[in-house]
Amino acid sequence: MLFLCLSMGTAWGHNHEIEQKLREVDATLEEKANYDASKEERINRLRGDLRDAVDESSRWEATFHLYEEYASYKYDSAYNYALALGEMAANSPIQDLVAEAELAKVICLINAGLFKEAFDTASTISEDRLSSRARLSYYRTMVRLNYSARGYAQTEPYWDQYSQAGEYYSRKVLETVPENSRIWHEYNANFLMENRQFEEGVEEFAALLESPGLDLHTRAIYASSMGWMLQLLGREDEALLAICESAICDIKSSTKETTALRMLAEYLSRRGEVERPTRYVRASFDDANFYNARLRKLEVGAVLPLVEKNHYDSLSRQHKLMGISIILTVIIAVAAVVSLWFFRRQNRRLHEARAGIEERNRRLEDANARLAEANAIKAEYIGNSFYINSEFIEKMSQLYKLVDRMLVTRQYDELRRSLKESTLDKERDSMYESFDNTFLKIFPTFVNDYNALFPETEQIFPTHGLNPEMRIFALIRLGIQEPERIARFLDYSVHTINTYKTRVKNKSWVENERFEAEIMQIGK
């Protein structure tokens, strides 16, 4: 009854429920390899069925099941089995089989973001020669194709064209299936969503999620659609719960052509979290690479700078706190040294007065006890607040050893110089290295294609990652056009960004006005 009760909890209840749901996502993600292994076992069994098939009907059924298993798992394999269906259907006089094979190819092309090719393939299907069952499959596929293309185009006149076509085929589906069947409610909910009737759409999807016998993949789609609408309605906690549910179902069903984890990473990143968004966006990127979905790679790539920027800001805050901790440690250590010196001086002056010596010894013991307690509190505070990962623990350990050694050897000036050094630049370089590696996975030919825009004398091939100029245009390639955002990410001034861009364009054989358009063509 999760989704029927979303609006009934208090703020505390929602926060508690969200954390529980996020932990469920984390636990499911830990088991991802096991779910994928089960998926591979099912695929292997179906391959065995295909090898053992003795007639055309059995071969068609086994091939179609393999296509269905791969449809949201791996694009290349799904498309190959769709082609195999087409070859078998070509020898059959049954038009439904031909249509099923072509629709399988259309679904694969939609998942890959190849919408023109999908429309071209769909145009070969003759609707009036199909049975009612095959015609319904055709309508459902055309609904998905038109709304997916609309979401990708995001501009007129195509937005309106795709909207009208999507609405037309949605009505065809609703007219074809029995009213109040699950398919009718599904397409009615989708129709409400696409027409921005979000309150009604949420209610429809909530009811659908209570349907008995829902498979995981279908449940993920319903929950994702519901989460998207709840987010636009401003019901953020409920939206987050729905997106979590979608991500869990996607992982359990080994769905690689998915958006839930990416949406979850973006959503949590906007709420200020760092560790989970980083983990989720990397898992989403791995899925997009595994499926070979070009569109999903671009969508994940657009989220990466936001997640990495939050990660960098978090590291900066931690470094500032670590600096304060070091200063407190030095103050405590100096206080201990001064106390010891004072004790010895007083001991020499008052050695004839035993009572005075005993009194001062007692005071010193009290001071040492307070210092020990302060050190214990300090260690607990540092352990809980600053040592977030093993890398920081190692760095702090080395720093404490350095401070202790220099205090013992009284190298105060050297200690002061050491404490003025900062590893922030190294952390920034590490962030840039992480960005470079991730970006070059998305656009492996970027360096070569970028250099192709320059004469040979101006071409540069960095030994590792990207140089600063390339990194600016890598961010532009990801769709980050504003100099202010680029400057914040790279820790430059806006003037420096504009100077770099002008200098690079002047070196290129491409006209300055066309240079960024050429950059946007890289990887297409």
Protein backbone atom coordinates (compact mmCIF):
# COMPACT_ATOMS: atom_id res chain seq x y z
CA MET A 1 0.00 0.00 0.00
CA LEU A 2 3.06 2.29 -0.33
CA PHE A 3 1.83 4.65 -3.03
CA LEU A 4 -1.70 5.00 -1.61
CA CYS A 5 -0.23 6.32 1.65
CA LEU A 6 2.39 8.72 0.25
CA SER A 7 0.46 11.86 1.16
CA MET A 8 -0.50 10.79 4.70
CA GLY A 9 2.86 10.86 6.51
CA THR A 10 4.31 13.72 8.53
CA ALA A 11 7.55 15.45 7.49
CA TRP A 12 9.53 13.27 9.90
CA GLY A 13 7.79 10.17 8.65
CA HIS A 14 8.63 11.06 5.07
CA ASN A 15 12.29 11.63 5.89
CA HIS A 16 12.47 8.32 7.71
CA GLU A 17 10.69 6.53 4.88
CA ILE A 18 12.97 8.13 2.27
CA GLU A 19 16.09 7.03 4.14
CA GLN A 20 14.71 3.50 4.44
CA LYS A 21 13.94 3.46 0.71
CA LEU A 22 17.38 4.78 -0.19
CA ARG A 23 18.96 2.05 1.93
CA GLU A 24 16.86 -0.46 0.00
CA VAL A 25 18.22 1.02 -3.25
CA ASP A 26 21.78 0.70 -1.88
CA ALA A 27 21.23 -2.92 -0.81
CA THR A 28 19.68 -3.78 -4.19
CA LEU A 29 22.58 -2.12 -6.00
CA GLU A 30 25.01 -4.27 -3.99
CA GLU A 31 23.24 -7.35 -5.37
CA LYS A 32 23.24 -6.06 -8.95
CA ALA A 33 25.78 -8.62 -10.16
CA ASN A 34 23.61 -11.46 -8.86
CA TYR A 35 20.52 -10.15 -10.65
CA ASP A 36 22.51 -9.82 -13.87
CA ALA A 37 23.80 -13.37 -13.46
CA SER A 38 20.22 -14.64 -13.17
CA LYS A 39 19.36 -12.70 -16.31
CA GLU A 40 22.24 -14.35 -18.18
CA GLU A 41 21.07 -17.78 -17.00
CA ARG A 42 17.59 -17.13 -18.44
CA ILE A 43 19.14 -15.99 -21.71
CA ASN A 44 21.33 -19.10 -21.88
CA ARG A 45 18.28 -21.32 -21.36
CA LEU A 46 16.47 -19.53 -24.17
CA ARG A 47 19.48 -19.97 -26.43
CA GLY A 48 19.29 -23.67 -25.67
CA ASP A 49 15.61 -23.64 -26.62
CA LEU A 50 16.53 -21.98 -29.91
CA ARG A 51 19.21 -24.59 -30.66
CA ASP A 52 16.75 -27.39 -29.85
CA ALA A 53 13.90 -25.93 -31.93
CA VAL A 54 12.69 -28.48 -34.51
CA ASP A 55 10.26 -26.36 -36.55
CA GLU A 56 9.66 -22.76 -37.66
CA SER A 57 7.06 -22.12 -34.95
CA SER A 58 9.43 -23.19 -32.17
CA ARG A 59 12.30 -21.18 -33.67
CA TRP A 60 10.11 -18.09 -33.94
CA GLU A 61 8.94 -18.40 -30.33
CA ALA A 62 12.48 -18.92 -28.97
CA THR A 63 13.88 -16.05 -31.04
CA PHE A 64 11.07 -13.72 -29.94
CA HIS A 65 11.67 -14.59 -26.27
CA LEU A 66 15.37 -13.84 -26.71
CA TYR A 67 14.52 -10.49 -28.30
CA GLU A 68 12.25 -9.66 -25.34
CA GLU A 69 14.97 -10.57 -22.81
CA TYR A 70 17.49 -8.35 -24.60
CA ALA A 71 15.11 -5.46 -25.48
CA SER A 72 15.93 -3.46 -22.33
CA TYR A 73 19.19 -5.29 -21.54
CA LYS A 74 21.51 -4.98 -24.54
CA TYR A 75 20.72 -3.07 -27.72
CA ASP A 76 23.04 -4.88 -30.16
CA SER A 77 21.78 -8.34 -29.22
CA ALA A 78 18.13 -7.25 -29.17
CA TYR A 79 18.46 -5.72 -32.64
CA ASN A 80 20.16 -8.84 -34.02
CA TYR A 81 17.32 -11.04 -32.79
CA ALA A 82 14.81 -8.54 -34.22
CA LEU A 83 16.59 -8.90 -37.57
CA ALA A 84 16.41 -12.68 -37.22
CA LEU A 85 12.66 -12.37 -36.66
CA GLY A 86 12.46 -10.31 -39.84
CA GLU A 87 14.30 -12.96 -41.85
CA MET A 88 11.91 -15.67 -40.62
CA ALA A 89 8.85 -13.48 -41.22
CA ALA A 90 9.98 -12.69 -44.78
CA ASN A 91 9.28 -16.32 -45.72
CA SER A 92 5.85 -16.29 -44.11
CA PRO A 93 2.57 -15.22 -45.74
CA ILE A 94 1.27 -14.11 -42.32
CA GLN A 95 1.35 -10.30 -42.19
CA ASP A 96 1.18 -10.29 -38.38
CA LEU A 97 4.57 -11.98 -38.17
CA VAL A 98 6.11 -9.42 -40.51
CA ALA A 99 4.61 -6.62 -38.43
CA GLU A 100 5.84 -8.14 -35.15
CA ALA A 101 9.39 -8.36 -36.53
CA GLU A 102 9.33 -4.77 -37.77
CA LEU A 103 7.85 -3.51 -34.49
CA ALA A 104 10.62 -5.32 -32.61
CA LYS A 105 13.17 -3.36 -34.67
CA VAL A 106 11.29 -0.12 -33.98
CA ILE A 107 11.43 -0.72 -30.21
CA CYS A 108 15.18 -1.36 -30.41
CA LEU A 109 15.72 1.85 -32.40
CA ILE A 110 13.62 3.87 -29.92
CA ASN A 111 15.71 2.54 -27.03
CA ALA A 112 18.89 3.49 -28.88
CA GLY A 113 17.61 7.02 -29.59
CA LEU A 114 17.57 6.43 -33.38
CA PHE A 115 14.18 8.02 -33.98
CA LYS A 116 14.47 8.74 -37.71
CA GLU A 117 15.38 5.11 -38.37
CA ALA A 118 12.49 4.04 -36.12
CA PHE A 119 9.99 6.11 -38.11
CA ASP A 120 11.40 4.79 -41.40
CA THR A 121 10.98 1.21 -40.20
CA ALA A 122 7.47 1.83 -38.84
CA SER A 123 6.42 3.35 -42.18
CA THR A 124 6.88 -0.05 -43.87
CA ILE A 125 4.04 -1.57 -41.81
CA SER A 126 0.63 -1.65 -43.49
CA GLU A 127 -1.88 -1.08 -40.68
CA ASP A 128 -4.97 -2.16 -42.60
CA ARG A 129 -3.55 -5.64 -43.30
CA LEU A 130 -3.06 -6.53 -39.64
CA SER A 131 -5.21 -8.49 -37.23
CA SER A 132 -6.74 -6.62 -34.29
CA ARG A 133 -4.04 -8.01 -31.96
CA ALA A 134 -1.17 -6.93 -34.22
CA ARG A 135 -2.84 -3.57 -34.86
CA LEU A 136 -2.93 -2.96 -31.10
CA SER A 137 0.82 -3.71 -30.89
CA TYR A 138 1.35 -1.24 -33.75
CA TYR A 139 -0.66 1.49 -32.00
CA ARG A 140 1.17 0.97 -28.70
CA THR A 141 4.55 1.15 -30.41
CA MET A 142 3.59 4.34 -32.28
CA VAL A 143 2.48 5.97 -29.02
CA ARG A 144 5.88 5.32 -27.52
CA LEU A 145 7.76 6.37 -30.67
CA ASN A 146 6.02 9.72 -31.06
CA TYR A 147 6.21 10.73 -27.41
CA SER A 148 9.87 9.64 -27.20
CA ALA A 149 10.73 11.63 -30.32
CA ARG A 150 8.87 14.63 -28.91
CA GLY A 151 10.88 14.46 -25.70
CA TYR A 152 14.09 14.37 -27.71
CA ALA A 153 13.16 17.14 -30.18
CA GLN A 154 11.93 19.69 -27.59
CA THR A 155 11.21 22.25 -30.30
CA GLU A 156 8.52 23.40 -32.71
CA PRO A 157 7.08 22.48 -35.16
CA TYR A 158 8.13 18.92 -34.28
CA TRP A 159 6.85 19.11 -30.70
CA ASP A 160 3.32 19.78 -31.86
CA GLN A 161 3.50 17.21 -34.66
CA TYR A 162 4.70 14.45 -32.35
CA SER A 163 2.15 15.45 -29.69
CA GLN A 164 -0.74 15.18 -32.14
CA ALA A 165 0.49 11.84 -33.45
CA GLY A 166 1.02 10.50 -29.91
CA GLU A 167 -2.46 11.61 -28.90
CA TYR A 168 -3.94 10.04 -32.05
CA TYR A 169 -2.41 6.63 -31.42
CA SER A 170 -3.20 6.83 -27.68
CA ARG A 171 -6.88 7.24 -28.55
CA LYS A 172 -6.57 4.31 -30.96
CA VAL A 173 -5.28 2.12 -28.14
CA LEU A 174 -8.07 3.24 -25.79
CA GLU A 175 -10.67 2.52 -28.49
CA THR A 176 -9.22 -0.93 -29.21
CA VAL A 177 -8.89 -2.46 -25.72
CA PRO A 178 -11.74 -3.13 -23.28
CA GLU A 179 -12.44 -0.17 -21.03
CA ASN A 180 -11.14 -0.60 -17.47
CA SER A 181 -8.64 -3.28 -18.54
CA ARG A 182 -5.09 -2.79 -17.26
CA ILE A 183 -3.87 -1.71 -20.72
CA TRP A 184 -6.71 0.82 -20.94
CA HIS A 185 -5.80 2.31 -17.57
CA GLU A 186 -2.09 2.30 -18.47
CA TYR A 187 -2.60 4.28 -21.67
CA ASN A 188 -5.17 6.53 -20.04
CA ALA A 189 -2.61 7.33 -17.32
CA ASN A 190 0.04 7.93 -19.97
CA PHE A 191 -2.38 10.13 -21.95
CA LEU A 192 -3.08 12.20 -18.82
CA MET A 193 0.65 12.54 -18.14
CA GLU A 194 1.53 13.63 -21.68
CA ASN A 195 -1.28 16.20 -21.54
CA ARG A 196 0.02 17.53 -18.20
CA GLN A 197 -3.03 16.42 -16.20
CA PHE A 198 -0.69 15.36 -13.45
CA GLU A 199 -3.07 14.98 -10.49
CA GLU A 200 -5.29 12.57 -12.43
CA GLY A 201 -2.25 10.81 -13.91
CA VAL A 202 -0.76 10.20 -10.47
CA GLU A 203 -4.00 8.65 -9.27
CA GLU A 204 -4.15 6.34 -12.31
CA PHE A 205 -0.55 5.16 -11.90
CA ALA A 206 -1.04 4.69 -8.13
CA ALA A 207 -3.97 2.38 -8.87
CA LEU A 208 -1.98 0.53 -11.55
CA LEU A 209 0.86 -0.09 -9.09
CA GLU A 210 -1.62 -1.97 -6.92
CA SER A 211 -2.47 -4.34 -9.80
CA PRO A 212 -1.73 -7.99 -9.00
CA GLY A 213 0.92 -9.86 -10.99
CA LEU A 214 2.87 -6.83 -12.24
CA ASP A 215 6.32 -7.75 -13.58
CA LEU A 216 9.28 -5.73 -12.31
CA HIS A 217 9.94 -3.92 -15.60
CA THR A 218 6.34 -2.70 -15.89
CA ARG A 219 6.32 -1.65 -12.22
CA ALA A 220 9.52 0.35 -12.82
CA ILE A 221 7.91 2.20 -15.74
CA TYR A 222 4.78 3.05 -13.73
CA ALA A 223 6.77 4.23 -10.71
CA SER A 224 9.13 6.33 -12.86
CA SER A 225 6.22 8.05 -14.64
CA MET A 226 4.52 8.68 -11.32
CA GLY A 227 7.72 10.11 -9.81
CA TRP A 228 8.20 12.49 -12.72
CA MET A 229 4.68 13.89 -12.33
CA LEU A 230 4.95 14.16 -8.53
CA GLN A 231 8.16 16.13 -8.97
CA LEU A 232 6.45 18.61 -11.30
CA LEU A 233 3.59 18.90 -8.79
CA GLY A 234 6.10 19.90 -6.10
CA ARG A 235 5.51 16.77 -4.01
CA GLU A 236 9.21 16.09 -3.75
CA ASP A 237 9.30 13.48 -0.99
CA GLU A 238 6.66 11.36 -2.70
CA ALA A 239 8.48 11.78 -6.02
CA LEU A 240 11.72 10.57 -4.47
CA LEU A 241 10.03 7.47 -3.06
CA ALA A 242 8.53 6.65 -6.45
CA ILE A 243 11.87 7.09 -8.26
CA CYS A 244 13.56 4.86 -5.66
CA GLU A 245 10.94 2.17 -6.30
CA SER A 246 11.56 2.44 -10.05
CA ALA A 247 15.34 2.14 -9.57
CA ILE A 248 14.95 -0.93 -7.35
CA CYS A 249 12.72 -2.66 -9.93
CA ASP A 250 15.13 -1.75 -12.74
CA ILE A 251 18.08 -3.27 -10.90
CA LYS A 252 16.20 -6.42 -9.95
CA SER A 253 14.98 -6.92 -13.53
CA SER A 254 18.48 -6.16 -14.97
CA THR A 255 17.06 -3.32 -17.05
CA LYS A 256 19.97 -1.39 -18.56
CA GLU A 257 17.94 0.97 -20.79
CA THR A 258 16.69 3.01 -17.87
CA THR A 259 16.54 6.53 -16.41
CA ALA A 260 15.65 5.92 -12.75
CA LEU A 261 19.18 5.79 -11.30
CA ARG A 262 20.21 8.88 -13.27
CA MET A 263 17.08 10.73 -12.10
CA LEU A 264 17.81 9.64 -8.53
CA ALA A 265 21.42 10.86 -8.75
CA GLU A 266 20.33 14.24 -10.12
CA TYR A 267 17.55 14.57 -7.55
CA LEU A 268 19.77 13.75 -4.56
CA SER A 269 22.55 15.96 -5.86
CA ARG A 270 20.18 18.93 -5.91
CA ARG A 271 19.31 18.11 -2.30
CA GLY A 272 22.99 18.43 -1.36
CA GLU A 273 24.03 14.77 -1.11
CA VAL A 274 27.42 13.72 -2.50
CA GLU A 275 28.27 10.05 -1.94
CA ARG A 276 25.05 8.45 -3.19
CA PRO A 277 24.68 10.60 -6.34
CA THR A 278 28.26 9.78 -7.31
CA ARG A 279 27.63 6.05 -6.89
CA TYR A 280 24.27 6.14 -8.67
CA VAL A 281 25.45 8.17 -11.66
CA ARG A 282 28.41 5.86 -12.17
CA ALA A 283 26.14 2.81 -12.08
CA SER A 284 23.80 4.55 -14.54
CA PHE A 285 26.72 5.33 -16.85
CA ASP A 286 27.87 1.69 -16.70
CA ASP A 287 24.34 0.57 -17.65
CA ALA A 288 24.21 3.02 -20.57
CA ASN A 289 27.56 1.77 -21.84
CA PHE A 290 26.51 -1.86 -21.43
CA TYR A 291 23.25 -1.29 -23.31
CA ASN A 292 25.02 0.96 -25.84
CA ALA A 293 22.29 3.60 -25.62
CA ARG A 294 23.61 6.83 -27.17
CA LEU A 295 20.80 8.96 -25.78
CA ARG A 296 21.22 7.63 -22.23
CA LYS A 297 24.98 8.32 -22.38
CA LEU A 298 24.26 11.95 -23.22
CA GLU A 299 21.69 12.23 -20.43
CA VAL A 300 24.13 10.79 -17.87
CA GLY A 301 26.90 13.02 -19.23
CA ALA A 302 24.75 16.09 -18.56
CA VAL A 303 24.40 15.11 -14.89
CA LEU A 304 28.09 14.30 -14.32
CA PRO A 305 29.35 17.92 -13.97
CA LEU A 306 26.68 18.68 -11.34
CA VAL A 307 27.57 15.58 -9.30
CA GLU A 308 31.31 16.17 -9.62
CA LYS A 309 30.92 19.85 -8.67
CA ASN A 310 29.07 18.87 -5.49
CA HIS A 311 31.78 16.31 -4.77
CA TYR A 312 34.45 18.98 -5.19
CA ASP A 313 32.59 21.45 -2.96
CA SER A 314 32.26 18.76 -0.29
CA LEU A 315 35.99 18.08 -0.41
CA SER A 316 36.70 21.81 -0.10
CA ARG A 317 34.57 22.04 3.04
CA GLN A 318 36.29 19.00 4.49
CA HIS A 319 39.71 20.51 3.84
CA LYS A 320 38.74 23.71 5.62
CA LEU A 321 37.55 21.71 8.63
CA MET A 322 40.72 19.65 8.53
CA GLY A 323 42.79 22.85 8.62
CA ILE A 324 40.91 24.02 11.71
CA SER A 325 41.52 20.63 13.32
CA ILE A 326 45.25 20.88 12.65
CA ILE A 327 45.40 24.35 14.18
CA LEU A 328 43.58 23.12 17.29
CA THR A 329 45.98 20.20 17.52
CA VAL A 330 49.00 22.51 17.35
CA ILE A 331 47.50 24.82 20.00
CA ILE A 332 46.93 21.88 22.32
CA ALA A 333 50.45 20.57 21.70
CA VAL A 334 51.98 24.02 22.35
CA ALA A 335 49.90 24.35 25.50
CA ALA A 336 51.24 21.00 26.67
CA VAL A 337 54.84 22.08 26.02
CA VAL A 338 54.32 25.40 27.79
CA SER A 339 52.71 23.65 30.74
CA LEU A 340 55.63 21.26 31.03
CA TRP A 341 58.14 24.13 30.85
CA PHE A 342 56.25 26.08 33.49
CA PHE A 343 56.12 23.03 35.76
CA ARG A 344 59.86 22.45 35.54
CA ARG A 345 60.67 26.08 36.24
CA GLN A 346 58.40 26.16 39.24
CA ASN A 347 59.84 22.84 40.40
CA ARG A 348 63.34 24.30 40.36
CA ARG A 349 62.24 27.41 42.30
CA LEU A 350 60.18 25.64 44.93
CA HIS A 351 62.20 22.44 45.50
CA GLU A 352 62.71 23.49 49.14
CA ALA A 353 59.00 23.79 49.73
CA ARG A 354 57.66 20.24 49.56
CA ALA A 355 54.12 21.30 50.15
CA GLY A 356 54.29 23.78 47.28
CA ILE A 357 55.79 21.16 45.01
CA GLU A 358 53.06 18.65 45.88
CA GLU A 359 50.38 21.27 45.28
CA ARG A 360 51.76 22.19 41.89
CA ASN A 361 52.16 18.51 41.02
CA ARG A 362 48.50 18.01 41.82
CA ARG A 363 47.56 20.98 39.64
CA LEU A 364 49.68 19.64 36.83
CA GLU A 365 48.03 16.24 37.11
CA ASP A 366 44.64 17.95 36.87
CA ALA A 367 45.79 19.89 33.82
CA ASN A 368 47.14 16.72 32.22
CA ALA A 369 43.84 14.96 32.92
CA ARG A 370 41.96 17.80 31.24
CA LEU A 371 44.37 17.70 28.33
CA ALA A 372 43.92 13.95 28.00
CA GLU A 373 40.16 14.38 28.06
CA ALA A 374 40.40 17.17 25.47
CA ASN A 375 42.61 14.95 23.30
CA ALA A 376 40.10 12.08 23.59
CA ILE A 377 37.22 14.37 22.62
CA LYS A 378 39.31 15.80 19.77
CA ALA A 379 40.14 12.33 18.45
CA GLU A 380 36.49 11.27 18.60
CA TYR A 381 35.40 14.49 16.84
CA ILE A 382 37.98 14.12 14.12
CA GLY A 383 37.17 10.43 13.71
CA ASN A 384 33.44 11.12 13.34
CA SER A 385 33.56 14.42 11.44
CA PHE A 386 36.57 14.53 9.18
CA TYR A 387 37.79 11.06 8.27
CA ILE A 388 35.08 10.31 5.76
CA ASN A 389 37.17 7.92 3.66
CA SER A 390 40.39 5.99 3.86
CA GLU A 391 42.28 8.52 1.75
CA PHE A 392 41.74 11.27 4.33
CA ILE A 393 42.66 8.92 7.18
CA GLU A 394 46.01 8.18 5.53
CA LYS A 395 46.71 11.86 4.84
CA MET A 396 45.90 12.89 8.42
CA SER A 397 48.00 10.04 9.82
CA GLN A 398 51.03 11.20 7.83
CA LEU A 399 50.41 14.80 8.89
CA TYR A 400 50.22 13.88 12.60
CA LYS A 401 53.50 11.99 12.32
CA LEU A 402 55.11 15.01 10.66
CA VAL A 403 53.85 17.41 13.38
CA ASP A 404 54.98 15.11 16.17
CA ARG A 405 58.45 14.63 14.68
CA MET A 406 58.95 18.37 14.14
CA LEU A 407 57.74 19.24 17.65
CA VAL A 408 60.13 16.73 19.19
CA THR A 409 63.01 18.09 17.10
CA ARG A 410 61.79 21.70 17.66
CA GLN A 411 61.63 22.44 13.93
CA TYR A 412 59.01 25.15 14.47
CA ASP A 413 59.78 27.19 11.38
CA GLU A 414 59.71 24.10 9.19
CA LEU A 415 56.45 23.08 10.90
CA ARG A 416 54.91 26.47 10.14
CA ARG A 417 55.90 26.23 6.47
CA SER A 418 54.51 22.70 6.22
CA LEU A 419 51.21 23.73 7.75
CA LYS A 420 50.81 26.48 5.14
CA GLU A 421 50.88 23.96 2.32
CA SER A 422 47.53 22.76 0.94
CA THR A 423 46.47 19.69 -0.92
CA LEU A 424 43.42 21.44 -2.35
CA ASP A 425 45.08 21.85 -5.75
CA LYS A 426 45.79 18.12 -5.81
CA GLU A 427 42.16 17.37 -5.01
CA ARG A 428 41.08 19.72 -7.78
CA ASP A 429 43.48 17.96 -10.17
CA SER A 430 42.01 14.64 -9.04
CA MET A 431 38.52 15.91 -9.79
CA TYR A 432 39.62 17.09 -13.23
CA GLU A 433 41.27 13.73 -13.87
CA SER A 434 38.02 11.97 -12.90
CA PHE A 435 36.05 14.30 -15.19
CA ASP A 436 38.51 13.75 -18.06
CA ASN A 437 38.39 9.97 -17.74
CA THR A 438 34.58 9.93 -17.61
CA PHE A 439 34.24 12.37 -20.51
CA LEU A 440 36.66 10.42 -22.70
CA LYS A 441 34.66 7.27 -22.04
CA ILE A 442 31.62 9.08 -23.43
CA PHE A 443 33.55 10.65 -26.33
CA PRO A 444 36.61 8.44 -26.93
CA THR A 445 37.50 10.25 -30.19
CA PHE A 446 37.21 13.75 -28.73
CA VAL A 447 40.96 14.53 -28.69
CA ASN A 448 41.46 13.43 -32.31
CA ASP A 449 38.28 15.15 -33.53
CA TYR A 450 39.20 18.31 -31.63
CA ASN A 451 42.70 18.39 -33.15
CA ALA A 452 41.22 17.88 -36.61
CA LEU A 453 39.87 21.44 -36.30
CA PHE A 454 43.44 22.83 -36.25
CA PRO A 455 46.46 22.87 -38.59
CA GLU A 456 49.06 20.21 -37.74
CA THR A 457 51.35 22.83 -36.20
CA GLU A 458 48.66 23.73 -33.67
CA GLN A 459 47.56 20.20 -32.78
CA ILE A 460 48.14 19.03 -29.20
CA PHE A 461 47.79 15.47 -27.90
CA PRO A 462 47.99 15.43 -24.08
CA THR A 463 49.62 12.36 -22.56
CA HIS A 464 46.93 12.18 -19.88
CA GLY A 465 43.34 13.41 -20.07
CA LEU A 466 42.60 16.90 -21.43
CA ASN A 467 44.45 20.20 -21.27
CA PRO A 468 42.57 23.28 -19.90
CA GLU A 469 41.46 24.51 -23.35
CA MET A 470 40.13 21.07 -24.29
CA ARG A 471 38.36 20.82 -20.93
CA ILE A 472 36.50 24.09 -21.61
CA PHE A 473 35.20 22.78 -24.92
CA ALA A 474 34.49 19.36 -23.36
CA LEU A 475 32.05 21.13 -21.00
CA ILE A 476 30.57 22.99 -23.98
CA ARG A 477 30.17 19.64 -25.75
CA LEU A 478 28.16 18.43 -22.73
CA GLY A 479 25.80 21.38 -23.20
CA ILE A 480 27.25 23.74 -20.60
CA GLN A 481 27.42 26.95 -22.65
CA GLU A 482 27.46 29.69 -19.99
CA PRO A 483 30.98 31.05 -19.28
CA GLU A 484 29.97 31.64 -15.65
CA ARG A 485 29.17 27.94 -15.06
CA ILE A 486 32.34 26.83 -16.85
CA ALA A 487 34.39 29.30 -14.81
CA ARG A 488 32.95 28.01 -11.51
CA PHE A 489 33.65 24.41 -12.44
CA LEU A 490 37.24 25.04 -13.60
CA ASP A 491 38.01 27.63 -10.86
CA TYR A 492 38.83 30.30 -13.48
CA SER A 493 37.50 33.80 -13.97
CA VAL A 494 34.95 34.45 -16.70
CA HIS A 495 37.53 36.67 -18.39
CA THR A 496 40.04 33.81 -18.44
CA ILE A 497 37.43 31.45 -19.97
CA ASN A 498 36.61 33.95 -22.72
CA THR A 499 40.31 34.57 -23.37
CA TYR A 500 40.98 30.82 -23.71
CA LYS A 501 38.03 30.41 -26.07
CA THR A 502 39.08 33.33 -28.28
CA ARG A 503 42.71 32.16 -28.41
CA VAL A 504 41.72 28.62 -29.38
CA LYS A 505 39.28 29.78 -32.07
CA ASN A 506 41.91 32.05 -33.59
CA LYS A 507 44.25 29.07 -34.02
CA SER A 508 41.64 26.94 -35.78
CA TRP A 509 41.11 26.78 -39.52
CA VAL A 510 37.38 26.89 -38.78
CA GLU A 511 35.66 30.29 -38.69
CA ASN A 512 35.18 31.57 -35.14
CA GLU A 513 31.39 31.68 -35.51
CA ARG A 514 31.28 28.01 -36.56
CA PHE A 515 33.86 26.61 -34.14
CA GLU A 516 31.48 25.71 -31.27
CA ALA A 517 29.00 24.20 -33.75
CA GLU A 518 31.82 21.92 -34.95
CA ILE A 519 32.58 20.98 -31.34
CA MET A 520 28.93 19.98 -30.85
CA GLN A 521 29.21 17.59 -33.80
CA ILE A 522 31.97 15.54 -32.13
CA GLY A 523 30.77 12.04 -31.26
CA LYS A 524 27.58 12.23 -33.36
